């Protein structure tokens, strides 16, 4: 089932835009994220669902989500997103992307 993609907030959207004009590594992350966005738009359930008890409180309070998914990509980077429905369509909410070490810190591993 196809999904519409939205950034969780303006800060996340701007961070994504800045990657395109950044250093070579940042440009590669931007390119990889575009590929991941296409994949997730085609099938939002292709990622790994994070158990509810492991969802960081910052996501719960800041975004009011009730589900969280992760997608592993490019050299141990993680994309974190949520899925919602607006009645007739699935909506994927891009929360953030981060390297594995930061992901482990965020989730308390």
PDB file of N, CA and C in Angstrom:
ATOM      1  N   UNK A   1       0.835  -1.177   0.000  1.00  0.00           N
ATOM      2  CA  UNK A   1       0.000   0.000   0.000  1.00  0.00           C
ATOM      3  C   UNK A   1       0.884   1.245   0.000  1.00  0.00           C
ATOM      4  N   UNK A   2       0.639   2.139  -0.905  1.00  0.00           N
ATOM      5  CA  UNK A   2       1.437   3.353  -1.016  1.00  0.00           C
ATOM      6  C   UNK A   2       1.151   4.312   0.128  1.00  0.00           C
ATOM      7  N   UNK A   3       2.135   5.171   0.378  1.00  0.00           N
ATOM      8  CA  UNK A   3       2.047   6.105   1.490  1.00  0.00           C
ATOM      9  C   UNK A   3       2.553   7.474   1.046  1.00  0.00           C
ATOM     10  N   UNK A   4       1.967   8.512   1.600  1.00  0.00           N
ATOM     11  CA  UNK A   4       2.489   9.871   1.405  1.00  0.00           C
ATOM     12  C   UNK A   4       3.534  10.120   2.487  1.00  0.00           C
ATOM     13  N   UNK A   5       4.630  10.773   2.125  1.00  0.00           N
ATOM     14  CA  UNK A   5       5.701  11.051   3.081  1.00  0.00           C
ATOM     15  C   UNK A   5       5.678  12.510   3.498  1.00  0.00           C
ATOM     16  N   UNK A   6       5.820  12.727   4.805  1.00  0.00           N
ATOM     17  CA  UNK A   6       5.909  14.072   5.357  1.00  0.00           C
ATOM     18  C   UNK A   6       7.021  14.081   6.405  1.00  0.00           C
ATOM     19  N   UNK A   7       7.671  15.221   6.538  1.00  0.00           N
ATOM     20  CA  UNK A   7       8.642  15.385   7.605  1.00  0.00           C
ATOM     21  C   UNK A   7       7.891  15.743   8.880  1.00  0.00           C
ATOM     22  N   UNK A   8       8.393  15.279  10.006  1.00  0.00           N
ATOM     23  CA  UNK A   8       7.723  15.498  11.287  1.00  0.00           C
ATOM     24  C   UNK A   8       7.647  16.975  11.644  1.00  0.00           C
ATOM     25  N   UNK A   9       8.635  17.735  11.223  1.00  0.00           N
ATOM     26  CA  UNK A   9       8.641  19.166  11.513  1.00  0.00           C
ATOM     27  C   UNK A   9       9.523  19.889  10.498  1.00  0.00           C
ATOM     28  N   UNK A  10       9.487  21.186  10.543  1.00  0.00           N
ATOM     29  CA  UNK A  10      10.249  22.011   9.598  1.00  0.00           C
ATOM     30  C   UNK A  10      11.751  21.827   9.774  1.00  0.00           C
ATOM     31  N   UNK A  11      12.190  21.631  10.995  1.00  0.00           N
ATOM     32  CA  UNK A  11      13.612  21.437  11.279  1.00  0.00           C
ATOM     33  C   UNK A  11      14.132  20.183  10.564  1.00  0.00           C
ATOM     34  N   UNK A  12      13.366  19.126  10.565  1.00  0.00           N
ATOM     35  CA  UNK A  12      13.760  17.887   9.901  1.00  0.00           C
ATOM     36  C   UNK A  12      13.803  18.090   8.392  1.00  0.00           C
ATOM     37  N   UNK A  13      12.826  18.791   7.852  1.00  0.00           N
ATOM     38  CA  UNK A  13      12.806  19.070   6.417  1.00  0.00           C
ATOM     39  C   UNK A  13      14.025  19.894   6.008  1.00  0.00           C
ATOM     40  N   UNK A  14      14.367  20.895   6.802  1.00  0.00           N
ATOM     41  CA  UNK A  14      15.527  21.734   6.504  1.00  0.00           C
ATOM     42  C   UNK A  14      16.826  20.949   6.606  1.00  0.00           C
ATOM     43  N   UNK A  15      16.923  20.070   7.602  1.00  0.00           N
ATOM     44  CA  UNK A  15      18.119  19.247   7.750  1.00  0.00           C
ATOM     45  C   UNK A  15      18.319  18.372   6.519  1.00  0.00           C
ATOM     46  N   UNK A  16      17.220  17.831   5.989  1.00  0.00           N
ATOM     47  CA  UNK A  16      17.309  17.017   4.782  1.00  0.00           C
ATOM     48  C   UNK A  16      17.775  17.860   3.596  1.00  0.00           C
ATOM     49  N   UNK A  17      17.228  19.040   3.443  1.00  0.00           N
ATOM     50  CA  UNK A  17      17.617  19.925   2.336  1.00  0.00           C
ATOM     51  C   UNK A  17      19.089  20.306   2.413  1.00  0.00           C
ATOM     52  N   UNK A  18      19.583  20.559   3.616  1.00  0.00           N
ATOM     53  CA  UNK A  18      20.984  20.954   3.789  1.00  0.00           C
ATOM     54  C   UNK A  18      21.963  19.844   3.408  1.00  0.00           C
ATOM     55  N   UNK A  19      21.533  18.600   3.540  1.00  0.00           N
ATOM     56  CA  UNK A  19      22.415  17.492   3.169  1.00  0.00           C
ATOM     57  C   UNK A  19      22.839  17.562   1.703  1.00  0.00           C
ATOM     58  N   UNK A  20      21.950  18.026   0.843  1.00  0.00           N
ATOM     59  CA  UNK A  20      22.225  18.061  -0.598  1.00  0.00           C
ATOM     60  C   UNK A  20      23.394  18.982  -0.947  1.00  0.00           C
ATOM     61  N   UNK A  21      23.629  20.004  -0.140  1.00  0.00           N
ATOM     62  CA  UNK A  21      24.712  20.946  -0.433  1.00  0.00           C
ATOM     63  C   UNK A  21      25.874  20.812   0.544  1.00  0.00           C
ATOM     64  N   UNK A  22      25.881  19.748   1.324  1.00  0.00           N
ATOM     65  CA  UNK A  22      26.934  19.537   2.318  1.00  0.00           C
ATOM     66  C   UNK A  22      28.162  18.853   1.750  1.00  0.00           C
ATOM     67  N   UNK A  23      28.969  18.338   2.652  1.00  0.00           N
ATOM     68  CA  UNK A  23      30.173  17.596   2.272  1.00  0.00           C
ATOM     69  C   UNK A  23      29.782  16.347   1.481  1.00  0.00           C
ATOM     70  N   UNK A  24      30.749  15.694   0.903  1.00  0.00           N
ATOM     71  CA  UNK A  24      30.492  14.514   0.063  1.00  0.00           C
ATOM     72  C   UNK A  24      29.719  13.443   0.830  1.00  0.00           C
ATOM     73  N   UNK A  25      30.088  13.201   2.084  1.00  0.00           N
ATOM     74  CA  UNK A  25      29.386  12.187   2.881  1.00  0.00           C
ATOM     75  C   UNK A  25      27.924  12.589   3.116  1.00  0.00           C
ATOM     76  N   UNK A  26      27.698  13.864   3.381  1.00  0.00           N
ATOM     77  CA  UNK A  26      26.324  14.335   3.580  1.00  0.00           C
ATOM     78  C   UNK A  26      25.509  14.220   2.292  1.00  0.00           C
ATOM     79  N   UNK A  27      26.128  14.510   1.170  1.00  0.00           N
ATOM     80  CA  UNK A  27      25.439  14.363  -0.110  1.00  0.00           C
ATOM     81  C   UNK A  27      25.078  12.901  -0.368  1.00  0.00           C
ATOM     82  N   UNK A  28      25.960  11.995   0.047  1.00  0.00           N
ATOM     83  CA  UNK A  28      25.666  10.570  -0.111  1.00  0.00           C
ATOM     84  C   UNK A  28      24.503  10.156   0.788  1.00  0.00           C
ATOM     85  N   UNK A  29      24.460  10.664   2.003  1.00  0.00           N
ATOM     86  CA  UNK A  29      23.334  10.383   2.901  1.00  0.00           C
ATOM     87  C   UNK A  29      22.041  10.907   2.263  1.00  0.00           C
ATOM     88  N   UNK A  30      22.085  12.093   1.683  1.00  0.00           N
ATOM     89  CA  UNK A  30      20.922  12.670   1.001  1.00  0.00           C
ATOM     90  C   UNK A  30      20.457  11.746  -0.124  1.00  0.00           C
ATOM     91  N   UNK A  31      21.396  11.277  -0.923  1.00  0.00           N
ATOM     92  CA  UNK A  31      21.063  10.375  -2.032  1.00  0.00           C
ATOM     93  C   UNK A  31      20.447   9.082  -1.515  1.00  0.00           C
ATOM     94  N   UNK A  32      21.058   8.524  -0.476  1.00  0.00           N
ATOM     95  CA  UNK A  32      20.557   7.276   0.112  1.00  0.00           C
ATOM     96  C   UNK A  32      19.162   7.481   0.720  1.00  0.00           C
ATOM     97  N   UNK A  33      18.962   8.604   1.385  1.00  0.00           N
ATOM     98  CA  UNK A  33      17.646   8.882   1.971  1.00  0.00           C
ATOM     99  C   UNK A  33      16.567   8.981   0.894  1.00  0.00           C
ATOM    100  N   UNK A  34      16.899   9.582  -0.242  1.00  0.00           N
ATOM    101  CA  UNK A  34      15.927   9.643  -1.334  1.00  0.00           C
ATOM    102  C   UNK A  34      15.515   8.247  -1.776  1.00  0.00           C
ATOM    103  N   UNK A  35      16.475   7.332  -1.849  1.00  0.00           N
ATOM    104  CA  UNK A  35      16.165   5.945  -2.208  1.00  0.00           C
ATOM    105  C   UNK A  35      15.282   5.293  -1.146  1.00  0.00           C
ATOM    106  N   UNK A  36      15.620   5.535   0.122  1.00  0.00           N
ATOM    107  CA  UNK A  36      14.837   4.978   1.229  1.00  0.00           C
ATOM    108  C   UNK A  36      13.420   5.558   1.216  1.00  0.00           C
ATOM    109  N   UNK A  37      13.298   6.846   0.982  1.00  0.00           N
ATOM    110  CA  UNK A  37      11.975   7.471   0.922  1.00  0.00           C
ATOM    111  C   UNK A  37      11.115   6.827  -0.164  1.00  0.00           C
ATOM    112  N   UNK A  38      11.717   6.537  -1.322  1.00  0.00           N
ATOM    113  CA  UNK A  38      10.973   5.863  -2.390  1.00  0.00           C
ATOM    114  C   UNK A  38      10.507   4.484  -1.947  1.00  0.00           C
ATOM    115  N   UNK A  39      11.388   3.761  -1.280  1.00  0.00           N
ATOM    116  CA  UNK A  39      11.058   2.419  -0.801  1.00  0.00           C
ATOM    117  C   UNK A  39       9.929   2.467   0.219  1.00  0.00           C
ATOM    118  N   UNK A  40      10.036   3.381   1.166  1.00  0.00           N
ATOM    119  CA  UNK A  40       9.030   3.495   2.224  1.00  0.00           C
ATOM    120  C   UNK A  40       7.700   4.011   1.667  1.00  0.00           C
ATOM    121  N   UNK A  41       7.756   4.902   0.692  1.00  0.00           N
ATOM    122  CA  UNK A  41       6.518   5.398   0.088  1.00  0.00           C
ATOM    123  C   UNK A  41       5.763   4.251  -0.581  1.00  0.00           C
ATOM    124  N   UNK A  42       6.497   3.323  -1.181  1.00  0.00           N
ATOM    125  CA  UNK A  42       5.872   2.179  -1.843  1.00  0.00           C
ATOM    126  C   UNK A  42       5.339   1.167  -0.836  1.00  0.00           C
ATOM    127  N   UNK A  43       6.048   1.004   0.283  1.00  0.00           N
ATOM    128  CA  UNK A  43       5.645   0.044   1.313  1.00  0.00           C
ATOM    129  C   UNK A  43       6.109   0.533   2.679  1.00  0.00           C
ATOM    130  N   UNK A  44       5.288   1.305   3.379  1.00  0.00           N
ATOM    131  CA  UNK A  44       5.719   1.867   4.663  1.00  0.00           C
ATOM    132  C   UNK A  44       6.015   0.819   5.736  1.00  0.00           C
ATOM    133  N   UNK A  45       5.537  -0.399   5.557  1.00  0.00           N
ATOM    134  CA  UNK A  45       5.767  -1.451   6.548  1.00  0.00           C
ATOM    135  C   UNK A  45       7.024  -2.261   6.262  1.00  0.00           C
ATOM    136  N   UNK A  46       7.876  -1.769   5.355  1.00  0.00           N
ATOM    137  CA  UNK A  46       9.089  -2.509   4.995  1.00  0.00           C
ATOM    138  C   UNK A  46      10.176  -2.399   6.064  1.00  0.00           C
ATOM    139  N   UNK A  47      10.075  -1.430   6.949  1.00  0.00           N
ATOM    140  CA  UNK A  47      11.053  -1.272   8.011  1.00  0.00           C
ATOM    141  C   UNK A  47      10.803  -2.244   9.153  1.00  0.00           C
ATOM    142  N   UNK A  48      11.502  -2.039  10.230  1.00  0.00           N
ATOM    143  CA  UNK A  48      11.384  -2.876  11.424  1.00  0.00           C
ATOM    144  C   UNK A  48      10.605  -2.084  12.464  1.00  0.00           C
ATOM    145  N   UNK A  49       9.512  -2.666  12.946  1.00  0.00           N
ATOM    146  CA  UNK A  49       8.713  -1.958  13.939  1.00  0.00           C
ATOM    147  C   UNK A  49       9.400  -2.024  15.300  1.00  0.00           C
ATOM    148  N   UNK A  50       9.475  -0.879  15.954  1.00  0.00           N
ATOM    149  CA  UNK A  50      10.073  -0.781  17.285  1.00  0.00           C
ATOM    150  C   UNK A  50       8.974  -1.097  18.295  1.00  0.00           C
ATOM    151  N   UNK A  51       9.235  -2.028  19.231  1.00  0.00           N
ATOM    152  CA  UNK A  51       8.220  -2.316  20.262  1.00  0.00           C
ATOM    153  C   UNK A  51       7.837  -1.033  21.018  1.00  0.00           C
ATOM    154  N   UNK A  52       6.566  -0.917  21.328  1.00  0.00           N
ATOM    155  CA  UNK A  52       6.055   0.303  21.972  1.00  0.00           C
ATOM    156  C   UNK A  52       6.829   0.657  23.239  1.00  0.00           C
ATOM    157  N   UNK A  53       7.213  -0.325  24.013  1.00  0.00           N
ATOM    158  CA  UNK A  53       7.921  -0.059  25.261  1.00  0.00           C
ATOM    159  C   UNK A  53       9.315   0.524  25.039  1.00  0.00           C
ATOM    160  N   UNK A  54       9.842   0.401  23.810  1.00  0.00           N
ATOM    161  CA  UNK A  54      11.178   0.906  23.504  1.00  0.00           C
ATOM    162  C   UNK A  54      11.175   2.256  22.782  1.00  0.00           C
ATOM    163  N   UNK A  55       9.984   2.784  22.503  1.00  0.00           N
ATOM    164  CA  UNK A  55       9.919   4.085  21.827  1.00  0.00           C
ATOM    165  C   UNK A  55      10.423   5.157  22.796  1.00  0.00           C
ATOM    166  N   UNK A  56      11.456   5.915  22.394  1.00  0.00           N
ATOM    167  CA  UNK A  56      11.971   6.961  23.287  1.00  0.00           C
ATOM    168  C   UNK A  56      10.884   7.977  23.643  1.00  0.00           C
ATOM    169  N   UNK A  57      10.883   8.378  24.892  1.00  0.00           N
ATOM    170  CA  UNK A  57       9.864   9.313  25.384  1.00  0.00           C
ATOM    171  C   UNK A  57       9.877  10.628  24.625  1.00  0.00           C
ATOM    172  N   UNK A  58      11.048  11.048  24.152  1.00  0.00           N
ATOM    173  CA  UNK A  58      11.127  12.300  23.410  1.00  0.00           C
ATOM    174  C   UNK A  58      10.249  12.240  22.163  1.00  0.00           C
ATOM    175  N   UNK A  59      10.164  11.112  21.514  1.00  0.00           N
ATOM    176  CA  UNK A  59       9.302  10.971  20.333  1.00  0.00           C
ATOM    177  C   UNK A  59       7.829  10.995  20.735  1.00  0.00           C
ATOM    178  N   UNK A  60       7.519  10.341  21.836  1.00  0.00           N
ATOM    179  CA  UNK A  60       6.127  10.297  22.291  1.00  0.00           C
ATOM    180  C   UNK A  60       5.614  11.681  22.645  1.00  0.00           C
ATOM    181  N   UNK A  61       6.415  12.449  23.355  1.00  0.00           N
ATOM    182  CA  UNK A  61       5.967  13.769  23.792  1.00  0.00           C
ATOM    183  C   UNK A  61       6.049  14.809  22.679  1.00  0.00           C
ATOM    184  N   UNK A  62       7.103  14.775  21.888  1.00  0.00           N
ATOM    185  CA  UNK A  62       7.285  15.794  20.857  1.00  0.00           C
ATOM    186  C   UNK A  62       6.350  15.598  19.665  1.00  0.00           C
ATOM    187  N   UNK A  63       6.128  14.335  19.287  1.00  0.00           N
ATOM    188  CA  UNK A  63       5.355  14.071  18.068  1.00  0.00           C
ATOM    189  C   UNK A  63       4.005  13.403  18.318  1.00  0.00           C
ATOM    190  N   UNK A  64       3.756  12.946  19.525  1.00  0.00           N
ATOM    191  CA  UNK A  64       2.481  12.321  19.847  1.00  0.00           C
ATOM    192  C   UNK A  64       2.202  11.054  19.048  1.00  0.00           C
ATOM    193  N   UNK A  65       3.236  10.305  18.743  1.00  0.00           N
ATOM    194  CA  UNK A  65       3.077   9.092  17.940  1.00  0.00           C
ATOM    195  C   UNK A  65       2.702   7.904  18.815  1.00  0.00           C
ATOM    196  N   UNK A  66       2.163   6.874  18.200  1.00  0.00           N
ATOM    197  CA  UNK A  66       1.866   5.650  18.936  1.00  0.00           C
ATOM    198  C   UNK A  66       2.510   4.425  18.281  1.00  0.00           C
ATOM    199  N   UNK A  67       3.332   4.659  17.251  1.00  0.00           N
ATOM    200  CA  UNK A  67       4.101   3.571  16.640  1.00  0.00           C
ATOM    201  C   UNK A  67       5.393   4.154  16.082  1.00  0.00           C
ATOM    202  N   UNK A  68       6.398   3.311  15.973  1.00  0.00           N
ATOM    203  CA  UNK A  68       7.688   3.763  15.482  1.00  0.00           C
ATOM    204  C   UNK A  68       8.319   2.646  14.677  1.00  0.00           C
ATOM    205  N   UNK A  69       8.938   3.032  13.590  1.00  0.00           N
ATOM    206  CA  UNK A  69       9.607   2.098  12.705  1.00  0.00           C
ATOM    207  C   UNK A  69      11.022   2.589  12.453  1.00  0.00           C
ATOM    208  N   UNK A  70      11.915   1.654  12.153  1.00  0.00           N
ATOM    209  CA  UNK A  70      13.270   2.039  11.760  1.00  0.00           C
ATOM    210  C   UNK A  70      13.603   1.331  10.459  1.00  0.00           C
ATOM    211  N   UNK A  71      14.451   1.968   9.690  1.00  0.00           N
ATOM    212  CA  UNK A  71      14.907   1.401   8.437  1.00  0.00           C
ATOM    213  C   UNK A  71      16.417   1.566   8.416  1.00  0.00           C
ATOM    214  N   UNK A  72      17.138   0.466   8.307  1.00  0.00           N
ATOM    215  CA  UNK A  72      18.598   0.488   8.274  1.00  0.00           C
ATOM    216  C   UNK A  72      19.053   0.807   6.852  1.00  0.00           C
ATOM    217  N   UNK A  73      19.976   1.744   6.733  1.00  0.00           N
ATOM    218  CA  UNK A  73      20.512   2.075   5.408  1.00  0.00           C
ATOM    219  C   UNK A  73      21.958   2.512   5.516  1.00  0.00           C
ATOM    220  N   UNK A  74      22.549   2.822   4.437  1.00  0.00           N
ATOM    221  CA  UNK A  74      23.917   3.302   4.233  1.00  0.00           C
ATOM    222  C   UNK A  74      24.840   3.288   5.456  1.00  0.00           C
ATOM    223  N   UNK A  75      25.739   2.321   5.490  1.00  0.00           N
ATOM    224  CA  UNK A  75      26.802   2.262   6.512  1.00  0.00           C
ATOM    225  C   UNK A  75      26.281   2.431   7.934  1.00  0.00           C
ATOM    226  N   UNK A  76      25.325   1.655   8.312  1.00  0.00           N
ATOM    227  CA  UNK A  76      24.796   1.639   9.682  1.00  0.00           C
ATOM    228  C   UNK A  76      24.006   2.886  10.078  1.00  0.00           C
ATOM    229  N   UNK A  77      23.478   3.601   9.137  1.00  0.00           N
ATOM    230  CA  UNK A  77      22.583   4.703   9.458  1.00  0.00           C
ATOM    231  C   UNK A  77      21.190   4.149   9.669  1.00  0.00           C
ATOM    232  N   UNK A  78      20.377   4.860  10.456  1.00  0.00           N
ATOM    233  CA  UNK A  78      19.012   4.456  10.741  1.00  0.00           C
ATOM    234  C   UNK A  78      18.060   5.614  10.421  1.00  0.00           C
ATOM    235  N   UNK A  79      16.972   5.286   9.748  1.00  0.00           N
ATOM    236  CA  UNK A  79      15.893   6.239   9.541  1.00  0.00           C
ATOM    237  C   UNK A  79      14.793   5.853  10.513  1.00  0.00           C
ATOM    238  N   UNK A  80      14.281   6.815  11.250  1.00  0.00           N
ATOM    239  CA  UNK A  80      13.216   6.574  12.221  1.00  0.00           C
ATOM    240  C   UNK A  80      11.968   7.283  11.720  1.00  0.00           C
ATOM    241  N   UNK A  81      10.865   6.535  11.655  1.00  0.00           N
ATOM    242  CA  UNK A  81       9.623   7.103  11.132  1.00  0.00           C
ATOM    243  C   UNK A  81       8.415   6.485  11.812  1.00  0.00           C
ATOM    244  N   UNK A  82       7.270   7.116  11.613  1.00  0.00           N
ATOM    245  CA  UNK A  82       6.019   6.629  12.153  1.00  0.00           C
ATOM    246  C   UNK A  82       5.018   6.547  11.005  1.00  0.00           C
ATOM    247  N   UNK A  83       3.989   5.728  11.185  1.00  0.00           N
ATOM    248  CA  UNK A  83       2.957   5.558  10.167  1.00  0.00           C
ATOM    249  C   UNK A  83       1.619   5.954  10.779  1.00  0.00           C
ATOM    250  N   UNK A  84       0.869   6.748  10.028  1.00  0.00           N
ATOM    251  CA  UNK A  84      -0.463   7.163  10.467  1.00  0.00           C
ATOM    252  C   UNK A  84      -1.407   7.038   9.281  1.00  0.00           C
ATOM    253  N   UNK A  85      -2.680   7.075   9.575  1.00  0.00           N
ATOM    254  CA  UNK A  85      -3.678   7.055   8.518  1.00  0.00           C
ATOM    255  C   UNK A  85      -4.527   8.300   8.612  1.00  0.00           C
ATOM    256  N   UNK A  86      -4.897   8.835   7.470  1.00  0.00           N
ATOM    257  CA  UNK A  86      -5.766  10.017   7.481  1.00  0.00           C
ATOM    258  C   UNK A  86      -7.173   9.675   6.998  1.00  0.00           C
ATOM    259  N   UNK A  87      -7.535   8.435   7.095  1.00  0.00           N
ATOM    260  CA  UNK A  87      -8.861   7.993   6.677  1.00  0.00           C
ATOM    261  C   UNK A  87      -8.844   7.258   5.357  1.00  0.00           C
ATOM    262  N   UNK A  88      -8.223   7.862   4.355  1.00  0.00           N
ATOM    263  CA  UNK A  88      -8.197   7.229   3.039  1.00  0.00           C
ATOM    264  C   UNK A  88      -6.803   6.863   2.569  1.00  0.00           C
ATOM    265  N   UNK A  89      -5.776   7.342   3.264  1.00  0.00           N
ATOM    266  CA  UNK A  89      -4.417   7.126   2.816  1.00  0.00           C
ATOM    267  C   UNK A  89      -3.488   6.940   4.013  1.00  0.00           C
ATOM    268  N   UNK A  90      -2.452   6.136   3.813  1.00  0.00           N
ATOM    269  CA  UNK A  90      -1.403   6.022   4.821  1.00  0.00           C
ATOM    270  C   UNK A  90      -0.461   7.209   4.690  1.00  0.00           C
ATOM    271  N   UNK A  91       0.027   7.669   5.821  1.00  0.00           N
ATOM    272  CA  UNK A  91       0.969   8.773   5.863  1.00  0.00           C
ATOM    273  C   UNK A  91       2.193   8.311   6.647  1.00  0.00           C
ATOM    274  N   UNK A  92       3.359   8.500   6.054  1.00  0.00           N
ATOM    275  CA  UNK A  92       4.610   8.183   6.729  1.00  0.00           C
ATOM    276  C   UNK A  92       5.229   9.484   7.213  1.00  0.00           C
ATOM    277  N   UNK A  93       5.571   9.523   8.501  1.00  0.00           N
ATOM    278  CA  UNK A  93       6.120  10.727   9.117  1.00  0.00           C
ATOM    279  C   UNK A  93       7.601  10.490   9.391  1.00  0.00           C
ATOM    280  N   UNK A  94       8.449  11.197   8.679  1.00  0.00           N
ATOM    281  CA  UNK A  94       9.898  11.065   8.827  1.00  0.00           C
ATOM    282  C   UNK A  94      10.312  11.861  10.065  1.00  0.00           C
ATOM    283  N   UNK A  95      10.841  11.142  11.049  1.00  0.00           N
ATOM    284  CA  UNK A  95      11.208  11.793  12.307  1.00  0.00           C
ATOM    285  C   UNK A  95      12.670  12.217  12.305  1.00  0.00           C
ATOM    286  N   UNK A  96      13.555  11.277  12.021  1.00  0.00           N
ATOM    287  CA  UNK A  96      14.977  11.627  11.947  1.00  0.00           C
ATOM    288  C   UNK A  96      15.780  10.479  11.374  1.00  0.00           C
ATOM    289  N   UNK A  97      16.997  10.758  10.992  1.00  0.00           N
ATOM    290  CA  UNK A  97      17.965   9.760  10.562  1.00  0.00           C
ATOM    291  C   UNK A  97      19.222  10.019  11.368  1.00  0.00           C
ATOM    292  N   UNK A  98      19.894   8.968  11.730  1.00  0.00           N
ATOM    293  CA  UNK A  98      21.061   9.119  12.577  1.00  0.00           C
ATOM    294  C   UNK A  98      21.987   7.920  12.430  1.00  0.00           C
ATOM    295  N   UNK A  99      23.283   8.128  12.695  1.00  0.00           N
ATOM    296  CA  UNK A  99      24.212   7.001  12.645  1.00  0.00           C
ATOM    297  C   UNK A  99      23.925   6.030  13.789  1.00  0.00           C
ATOM    298  N   UNK A 100      24.409   4.821  13.631  1.00  0.00           N
ATOM    299  CA  UNK A 100      24.092   3.757  14.580  1.00  0.00           C
ATOM    300  C   UNK A 100      24.425   4.125  16.022  1.00  0.00           C
ATOM    301  N   UNK A 101      25.581   4.733  16.261  1.00  0.00           N
ATOM    302  CA  UNK A 101      25.956   5.081  17.648  1.00  0.00           C
ATOM    303  C   UNK A 101      24.950   6.043  18.275  1.00  0.00           C
ATOM    304  N   UNK A 102      24.525   7.049  17.528  1.00  0.00           N
ATOM    305  CA  UNK A 102      23.531   7.982  18.056  1.00  0.00           C
ATOM    306  C   UNK A 102      22.185   7.292  18.246  1.00  0.00           C
ATOM    307  N   UNK A 103      21.868   6.392  17.336  1.00  0.00           N
ATOM    308  CA  UNK A 103      20.630   5.614  17.449  1.00  0.00           C
ATOM    309  C   UNK A 103      20.643   4.810  18.757  1.00  0.00           C
ATOM    310  N   UNK A 104      21.770   4.158  19.044  1.00  0.00           N
ATOM    311  CA  UNK A 104      21.875   3.380  20.294  1.00  0.00           C
ATOM    312  C   UNK A 104      21.708   4.283  21.514  1.00  0.00           C
ATOM    313  N   UNK A 105      22.301   5.463  21.484  1.00  0.00           N
ATOM    314  CA  UNK A 105      22.153   6.391  22.609  1.00  0.00           C
ATOM    315  C   UNK A 105      20.710   6.847  22.767  1.00  0.00           C
ATOM    316  N   UNK A 106      20.073   7.187  21.654  1.00  0.00           N
ATOM    317  CA  UNK A 106      18.695   7.673  21.678  1.00  0.00           C
ATOM    318  C   UNK A 106      17.756   6.616  22.266  1.00  0.00           C
ATOM    319  N   UNK A 107      18.024   5.347  21.937  1.00  0.00           N
ATOM    320  CA  UNK A 107      17.145   4.264  22.383  1.00  0.00           C
ATOM    321  C   UNK A 107      17.632   3.604  23.673  1.00  0.00           C
ATOM    322  N   UNK A 108      18.751   4.067  24.214  1.00  0.00           N
ATOM    323  CA  UNK A 108      19.239   3.558  25.492  1.00  0.00           C
ATOM    324  C   UNK A 108      19.794   2.145  25.429  1.00  0.00           C
ATOM    325  N   UNK A 109      20.355   1.774  24.295  1.00  0.00           N
ATOM    326  CA  UNK A 109      20.944   0.418  24.168  1.00  0.00           C
ATOM    327  C   UNK A 109      22.342   0.386  24.724  1.00  0.00           C
TER     328      UNK A 109
END
